[in-house]
Structures are given as structure tokens and as C-alpha cells.
Amino acid sequence: MPVSATYKQAAYAAETGEAPIVLLTIDHADLAAPIRVTSDAVDTASRGDTYVAFPFRVSLPDDTEEAARARLEIDNVDRRIVEAVRSISSPPSVRLEVVLAGTPDLVEAGPFDFELEETRYDLLVVSGELAFEPVLDLAMPADSLSPGLFPGLFS
């Protein structure tokens, strides 16, 4: 996905008033509403949703690792995060998007979709491993090529 000219100018400039912001969405069928947080120090409104200013870190793996996984750590400063982790029965989906502070409705990079696995928490941090969705485990093809579903193939 190509980035905008504004993003390129901000990235290559010696000084700029623009700042890249990472938007994080955690969603699951068992949650009443998705958890939306921003890496910015203030709440961010983007595409009709409000992302709450919340400290988090995403650690990307080295290029040399074979089974590379990213890691997500969210500061445990609000009980809602741990309550959400306790309330779900399977790994939640995580979406990362990068926007500029000046144009939060324009996604510059992403969305990057993951599943949050091996979730742990303590008094300070809620953490887990970010894994890509297991697309290799999906049935292929999705439908069977039978005369009932595809009569044109058998005429």
C-alpha cells in the first residue's frame, strides 16, 4: 500500500509538525465493543471511531527468525483490559494501522491483522504474541465441485 506524499515529506524531513500514530483495535465476538487505543498522548478520532490514549508497545521480530512473531504489551493502567482478557474464550483479533496526526482518517500503512495468542497479565502489563491468521489451515477449496453446486461443470 503506497503512503501519501504528506507522509513521505514528514518521514524524510529533518523537522516536521506531523507525527505517525499507531491505532490498535482489539476485537472479539465475546466483547461488547472493540477496544480501541492510540499511541498518541491524546485521544484520536479516526473514521468515526475514538481511539483512547493508552500506553502500548509492539515489538517486531528480527528478519532472521524462522518462526517470527511480534509481541504486544499494553500497560495495565485500566481494569477494562484485564476484564476483557478474562471474558473471552478464544484469541481476539488485533488490527494495527498507522495514520498521521494531521490526517487521522487516512490510513497510511495497514491494516495489519493478527490474532493475539498466549495472553498474560500482571499488575503492570498485559502482553501476548501477535500471530497472523492461520490461512494455511483453511479448507481449500471452500466448496466442493459437485453437480449440485456447479452443474455447468458436468453438462
Protein backbone atom coordinates (compact mmCIF):
# COMPACT_ATOMS: atom_id res chain seq x y z
CA MET A 1 0.00 0.00 0.00
CA PRO A 2 1.63 3.27 -1.05
CA VAL A 3 1.81 6.07 1.51
CA SER A 4 0.71 9.65 0.82
CA ALA A 5 3.02 12.44 -0.29
CA THR A 6 2.43 14.13 3.09
CA TYR A 7 3.67 11.02 4.90
CA LYS A 8 6.78 10.82 2.70
CA GLN A 9 7.57 14.51 3.25
CA ALA A 10 7.17 14.10 7.02
CA ALA A 11 9.30 10.93 7.07
CA TYR A 12 12.17 12.43 5.08
CA ALA A 13 12.14 15.92 6.60
CA ALA A 14 14.77 16.98 9.13
CA GLU A 15 11.95 18.55 11.18
CA THR A 16 8.21 18.22 10.82
CA GLY A 17 4.98 19.00 12.61
CA GLU A 18 3.50 15.66 11.56
CA ALA A 19 3.71 12.58 13.74
CA PRO A 20 2.87 8.98 12.82
CA ILE A 21 0.33 7.42 15.17
CA VAL A 22 -0.36 3.71 15.59
CA LEU A 23 -4.02 2.80 16.06
CA LEU A 24 -4.72 -0.54 17.75
CA THR A 25 -8.08 -2.33 17.69
CA ILE A 26 -8.73 -5.47 19.74
CA ASP A 27 -11.98 -7.22 18.86
CA HIS A 28 -13.74 -10.48 19.71
CA ALA A 29 -17.29 -11.79 19.47
CA ASP A 30 -17.46 -12.05 23.28
CA LEU A 31 -16.63 -8.35 23.75
CA ALA A 32 -19.47 -5.82 23.94
CA ALA A 33 -17.42 -3.33 21.92
CA PRO A 34 -13.93 -3.38 20.41
CA ILE A 35 -11.06 -1.93 22.45
CA ARG A 36 -9.50 0.94 20.50
CA VAL A 37 -6.26 2.57 21.68
CA THR A 38 -3.80 5.02 20.15
CA SER A 39 -0.07 5.51 20.59
CA ASP A 40 -0.62 9.27 20.74
CA ALA A 41 -0.68 11.11 24.07
CA VAL A 42 -4.26 12.30 23.41
CA ASP A 43 -7.38 10.51 22.17
CA THR A 44 -7.56 10.16 18.38
CA ALA A 45 -10.77 10.30 16.31
CA SER A 46 -10.40 8.30 13.11
CA ARG A 47 -13.11 7.31 10.63
CA GLY A 48 -15.90 7.77 13.17
CA ASP A 49 -14.22 5.82 16.00
CA THR A 50 -12.44 7.19 19.05
CA TYR A 51 -9.10 5.64 19.96
CA VAL A 52 -8.21 6.18 23.62
CA ALA A 53 -4.70 7.33 24.55
CA PHE A 54 -3.22 4.26 26.19
CA PRO A 55 0.44 3.24 26.53
CA PHE A 56 1.30 0.16 24.45
CA ARG A 57 4.28 -1.29 22.62
CA VAL A 58 4.54 -3.54 19.59
CA SER A 59 7.85 -5.38 19.29
CA LEU A 60 8.50 -6.63 15.78
CA PRO A 61 10.64 -9.76 15.27
CA ASP A 62 14.06 -9.85 13.65
CA ASP A 63 14.25 -10.73 9.97
CA THR A 64 16.47 -13.69 10.79
CA GLU A 65 13.98 -15.60 12.94
CA GLU A 66 12.28 -18.53 11.22
CA ALA A 67 9.06 -18.62 13.24
CA ALA A 68 8.88 -14.86 13.62
CA ARG A 69 6.22 -13.39 15.89
CA ALA A 70 5.50 -9.90 17.02
CA ARG A 71 4.76 -9.10 20.66
CA LEU A 72 2.15 -6.71 22.05
CA GLU A 73 2.40 -5.16 25.51
CA ILE A 74 -0.29 -2.86 26.92
CA ASP A 75 0.25 -1.07 30.21
CA ASN A 76 -2.22 -2.38 32.76
CA VAL A 77 -3.49 1.02 33.89
CA ASP A 78 -7.19 0.27 33.39
CA ARG A 79 -9.18 -2.72 34.68
CA ARG A 80 -11.12 -2.96 31.40
CA ILE A 81 -8.19 -4.59 29.59
CA VAL A 82 -7.81 -7.47 32.08
CA GLU A 83 -11.60 -7.86 32.33
CA ALA A 84 -11.76 -8.17 28.54
CA VAL A 85 -8.95 -10.77 28.50
CA ARG A 86 -10.74 -12.80 31.18
CA SER A 87 -14.12 -12.63 29.41
CA ILE A 88 -13.10 -14.12 26.05
CA SER A 89 -12.77 -17.81 25.25
CA SER A 90 -10.54 -17.75 22.16
CA PRO A 91 -7.81 -15.48 20.75
CA PRO A 92 -9.06 -11.98 19.89
CA SER A 93 -8.25 -10.28 16.61
CA VAL A 94 -5.85 -7.35 16.62
CA ARG A 95 -5.63 -4.69 13.91
CA LEU A 96 -2.75 -2.22 13.63
CA GLU A 97 -2.97 0.88 11.44
CA VAL A 98 -0.63 3.84 11.01
CA VAL A 99 -2.04 7.34 10.44
CA LEU A 100 -0.62 10.85 10.64
CA ALA A 101 -1.74 13.13 13.46
CA GLY A 102 -2.86 15.76 10.95
CA THR A 103 -4.90 13.33 8.83
CA PRO A 104 -6.17 10.58 11.17
CA ASP A 105 -8.87 9.45 8.71
CA LEU A 106 -6.29 8.45 6.09
CA VAL A 107 -4.62 5.10 6.85
CA GLU A 108 -1.02 5.37 5.69
CA ALA A 109 0.07 1.80 6.48
CA GLY A 110 -2.07 -1.21 7.18
CA PRO A 111 -4.35 -2.54 8.24
CA PHE A 112 -2.23 -5.33 9.64
CA ASP A 113 -4.43 -8.10 11.07
CA PHE A 114 -3.25 -10.54 13.73
CA GLU A 115 -4.56 -12.89 16.39
CA LEU A 116 -3.46 -12.26 19.99
CA GLU A 117 -2.23 -15.56 21.42
CA GLU A 118 -0.68 -16.61 24.73
CA THR A 119 -2.11 -13.64 26.58
CA ARG A 120 -0.63 -13.00 30.02
CA TYR A 121 -1.13 -10.23 32.53
CA ASP A 122 0.20 -9.00 35.85
CA LEU A 123 -0.09 -5.78 37.84
CA LEU A 124 1.88 -3.78 35.28
CA VAL A 125 1.44 -5.23 31.78
CA VAL A 126 -0.98 -7.23 29.63
CA SER A 127 1.02 -8.99 26.91
CA GLY A 128 0.70 -11.57 24.18
CA GLU A 129 2.10 -12.88 20.92
CA LEU A 130 0.76 -11.50 17.64
CA ALA A 131 0.30 -14.20 15.02
CA PHE A 132 -1.06 -13.92 11.52
CA GLU A 133 -4.37 -15.61 10.94
CA PRO A 134 -3.78 -19.29 10.09
CA VAL A 135 -4.78 -19.07 6.43
CA LEU A 136 -2.96 -22.31 5.66
CA ASP A 137 -5.38 -24.15 7.96
CA LEU A 138 -8.45 -23.09 5.96
CA ALA A 139 -10.23 -25.65 3.79
CA MET A 140 -9.32 -25.34 0.14
CA PRO A 141 -11.35 -25.01 -1.95
CA ALA A 142 -14.12 -23.62 0.22
CA ASP A 143 -16.80 -25.51 -1.75
CA SER A 144 -16.71 -28.96 -3.25
CA LEU A 145 -17.12 -29.10 -7.01
CA SER A 146 -20.26 -31.21 -7.13
CA PRO A 147 -23.05 -31.35 -9.76
CA GLY A 148 -25.46 -29.84 -7.24
CA LEU A 149 -23.38 -26.73 -6.70
CA PHE A 150 -21.72 -26.38 -10.11
CA PRO A 151 -23.98 -28.02 -12.75
CA GLY A 152 -22.19 -26.25 -15.62
CA LEU A 153 -19.03 -28.24 -14.98
CA PHE A 154 -20.84 -31.56 -15.50
CA SER A 155 -23.00 -30.88 -18.56
